[in-house]
Protein backbone atom coordinates (compact mmCIF):
# COMPACT_ATOMS: atom_id res chain seq x y z
CA MET A 1 75.51 95.98 102.26
CA SER A 2 78.03 93.21 102.75
CA ASP A 3 80.10 93.22 105.94
CA GLU A 4 83.15 93.20 103.65
CA PHE A 5 82.45 96.86 102.86
CA ARG A 6 81.57 97.99 106.38
CA THR A 7 84.75 98.97 108.21
CA ASN A 8 83.28 101.08 111.00
CA LEU A 9 79.86 100.28 112.42
CA LEU A 10 79.48 103.89 113.56
CA GLY A 11 80.79 105.47 110.37
CA PRO A 12 79.30 105.82 106.90
CA ASP A 13 78.85 102.81 104.65
CA ALA A 14 81.35 102.24 101.90
CA THR A 15 80.57 103.82 98.56
CA LEU A 16 80.41 101.29 95.75
CA LEU A 17 80.47 102.61 92.22
CA PRO A 18 78.44 100.75 89.58
CA GLU A 19 79.97 98.25 87.18
CA GLU A 20 81.24 99.63 83.85
CA THR A 21 80.90 96.44 81.83
CA GLU A 22 81.17 97.97 78.36
CA LEU A 23 84.20 100.06 79.32
CA LEU A 24 85.98 97.08 80.87
CA ALA A 25 85.31 95.03 77.74
CA ARG A 26 86.87 97.77 75.61
CA VAL A 27 89.89 97.95 77.95
CA ALA A 28 90.28 94.15 77.71
CA ALA A 29 90.01 94.38 73.92
CA GLY A 30 93.00 96.74 73.91
CA ASP A 31 91.28 99.97 72.88
CA GLU A 32 93.50 103.05 73.02
CA ALA A 33 93.19 105.17 76.15
CA GLU A 34 92.28 108.28 74.12
CA ASP A 35 89.40 106.38 72.52
CA LEU A 36 88.26 105.14 75.92
CA ALA A 37 88.28 108.67 77.34
CA ALA A 38 86.32 109.96 74.35
CA GLY A 39 83.81 107.12 74.60
CA PHE A 40 83.48 107.11 78.39
CA PRO A 41 84.40 110.66 79.51
CA ALA A 42 82.49 110.43 82.81
CA SER A 43 84.53 107.43 83.97
CA SER A 44 87.73 107.84 85.98
CA LEU A 45 89.37 104.74 84.54
CA PRO A 46 90.31 106.04 81.07
CA TRP A 47 91.74 109.20 82.61
CA ALA A 48 93.76 107.14 85.08
CA ILE A 49 95.11 105.03 82.21
CA LEU A 50 96.04 108.18 80.29
CA ALA A 51 97.72 109.58 83.41
CA ASP A 52 99.74 106.38 83.88
CA GLU A 53 100.81 106.31 80.23
CA ALA A 54 101.85 109.97 80.25
CA PHE A 55 103.78 109.58 83.52
CA ALA A 56 105.61 106.50 82.21
CA GLU A 57 106.65 108.53 79.16
CA GLY A 58 107.93 111.43 81.27
CA ARG A 59 105.03 113.75 80.41
CA THR A 60 104.40 114.75 84.01
CA ILE A 61 102.24 117.81 83.37
CA GLU A 62 99.98 115.85 81.04
CA SER A 63 99.80 113.07 83.62
CA TYR A 64 98.77 115.61 86.24
CA ALA A 65 96.03 117.01 83.97
CA TYR A 66 94.68 113.57 83.06
CA ALA A 67 94.74 112.47 86.70
CA ARG A 68 92.96 115.63 87.84
CA THR A 69 90.23 115.02 85.26
CA GLY A 70 89.84 111.42 86.44
CA TYR A 71 89.79 112.54 90.05
CA HIS A 72 86.99 115.06 89.44
CA ARG A 73 85.01 112.60 87.33
CA GLY A 74 85.36 110.13 90.20
CA LEU A 75 84.17 112.64 92.79
CA ASP A 76 81.10 113.26 90.63
CA ALA A 77 80.43 109.51 90.40
CA LEU A 78 80.94 109.00 94.13
CA ARG A 79 78.50 111.78 94.95
CA ARG A 80 75.91 110.35 92.53
CA ASN A 81 76.24 107.08 94.43
CA GLY A 82 75.68 108.43 97.91
CA TRP A 83 79.14 109.54 99.05
CA ARG A 84 78.98 112.62 101.27
CA GLY A 85 82.65 113.55 101.34
CA VAL A 86 83.72 110.92 103.88
CA GLY A 87 83.71 107.20 104.20
CA PRO A 88 85.35 104.19 102.65
CA VAL A 89 85.83 103.72 98.92
CA PRO A 90 87.15 100.15 98.95
CA TRP A 91 89.81 98.98 96.50
CA SER A 92 88.37 95.46 96.71
CA HIS A 93 85.28 96.68 94.83
CA GLU A 94 86.67 96.72 91.28
CA PRO A 95 84.46 99.57 89.94
CA ASN A 96 86.08 101.89 92.54
CA ARG A 97 89.56 101.25 91.15
CA GLY A 98 89.37 103.80 88.34
CA PHE A 99 88.79 106.57 90.87
CA LEU A 100 91.46 105.27 93.24
CA ARG A 101 93.95 104.92 90.37
CA ALA A 102 93.25 108.51 89.28
CA LEU A 103 93.64 109.71 92.87
CA TYR A 104 96.98 107.90 93.18
CA ALA A 105 98.16 109.23 89.81
CA LEU A 106 97.25 112.77 90.86
CA GLY A 107 99.32 112.45 94.03
CA ARG A 108 102.25 110.96 92.12
CA ALA A 109 102.22 113.76 89.53
CA ALA A 110 101.73 116.43 92.20
CA ARG A 111 104.77 115.12 94.05
CA ALA A 112 106.78 115.10 90.80
CA ILE A 113 106.03 118.77 90.10
CA GLY A 114 106.77 119.87 93.67
CA GLU A 115 103.19 120.20 94.93
CA SER A 116 104.07 118.49 98.21
CA GLY A 117 101.04 119.82 100.11
CA GLU A 118 98.65 118.46 97.51
CA ALA A 119 100.54 115.16 97.36
CA GLU A 120 100.21 114.79 101.15
CA ARG A 121 96.48 115.59 101.10
CA ILE A 122 95.95 113.02 98.37
CA THR A 123 97.86 110.38 100.32
CA VAL A 124 95.60 111.04 103.32
CA PHE A 125 92.50 110.89 101.09
CA LEU A 126 93.68 107.63 99.53
CA ASN A 127 94.36 106.08 102.94
CA ASP A 128 91.01 107.31 104.26
CA SER A 129 89.31 105.76 101.24
CA ASP A 130 90.98 102.40 101.76
CA PRO A 131 94.21 101.81 103.69
CA LYS A 132 94.93 98.81 101.40
CA ALA A 133 94.69 100.82 98.18
CA LEU A 134 98.14 102.42 98.30
CA ALA A 135 99.93 99.10 98.68
CA ALA A 136 97.84 97.59 95.87
CA LEU A 137 98.58 100.53 93.57
CA GLU A 138 102.29 100.48 94.28
CA ALA A 139 102.59 96.70 93.77
């Protein structure tokens, strides 16, 4: 593993999700988010895109539901790739961004519906995953 993804020599290695080349090509081609989610339901990225679109349109509850789906799909993917519930999930590794986007969207929607405890837990999880992720997502 590259030193870029090792933040704590005593802690667990960073979890790096695999590339999703076909999905990214479909995103770049402008496919609709609903089609992406139907074609790649195990990926967090389409669900994060749906969550962002719904939130931007004021559909907060739908955003929350999409983000929660993306979050759980991401947890499944992380576990399949060696994550044991702790350790870095770096933003700099592009395949991790779908999960981190879904996590951020879940916290944003939770905050919007008054779930402040959940929003705080998600902020901690996001910062534990990668302290640079929040700034990148809010930029």
